[in-house]
Amino acid sequence: MTGRLPASSILRFCRAEM
């Protein structure tokens, strides 16, 4: 997993998947 992206991107991706 890449930890370079900001947490916002991760949250957005998680929500987008749902």
Protein backbone atom coordinates (compact mmCIF):
# COMPACT_ATOMS: atom_id res chain seq x y z
CA MET A 1 0.00 0.00 0.00
CA THR A 2 1.23 3.51 -0.78
CA GLY A 3 1.35 5.85 2.19
CA ARG A 4 2.35 8.85 0.08
CA LEU A 5 -1.19 9.89 -0.78
CA PRO A 6 -3.11 11.98 1.77
CA ALA A 7 -5.66 10.36 4.06
CA SER A 8 -8.40 12.23 2.19
CA SER A 9 -7.71 10.21 -0.95
CA ILE A 10 -7.87 6.95 0.99
CA LEU A 11 -11.18 7.90 2.62
CA ARG A 12 -12.60 8.97 -0.73
CA PHE A 13 -11.49 5.73 -2.35
CA CYS A 14 -12.97 3.65 0.48
CA ARG A 15 -16.29 5.46 0.17
CA ALA A 16 -16.23 5.25 -3.61
CA GLU A 17 -15.84 1.47 -3.36
CA MET A 18 -18.88 1.26 -1.09
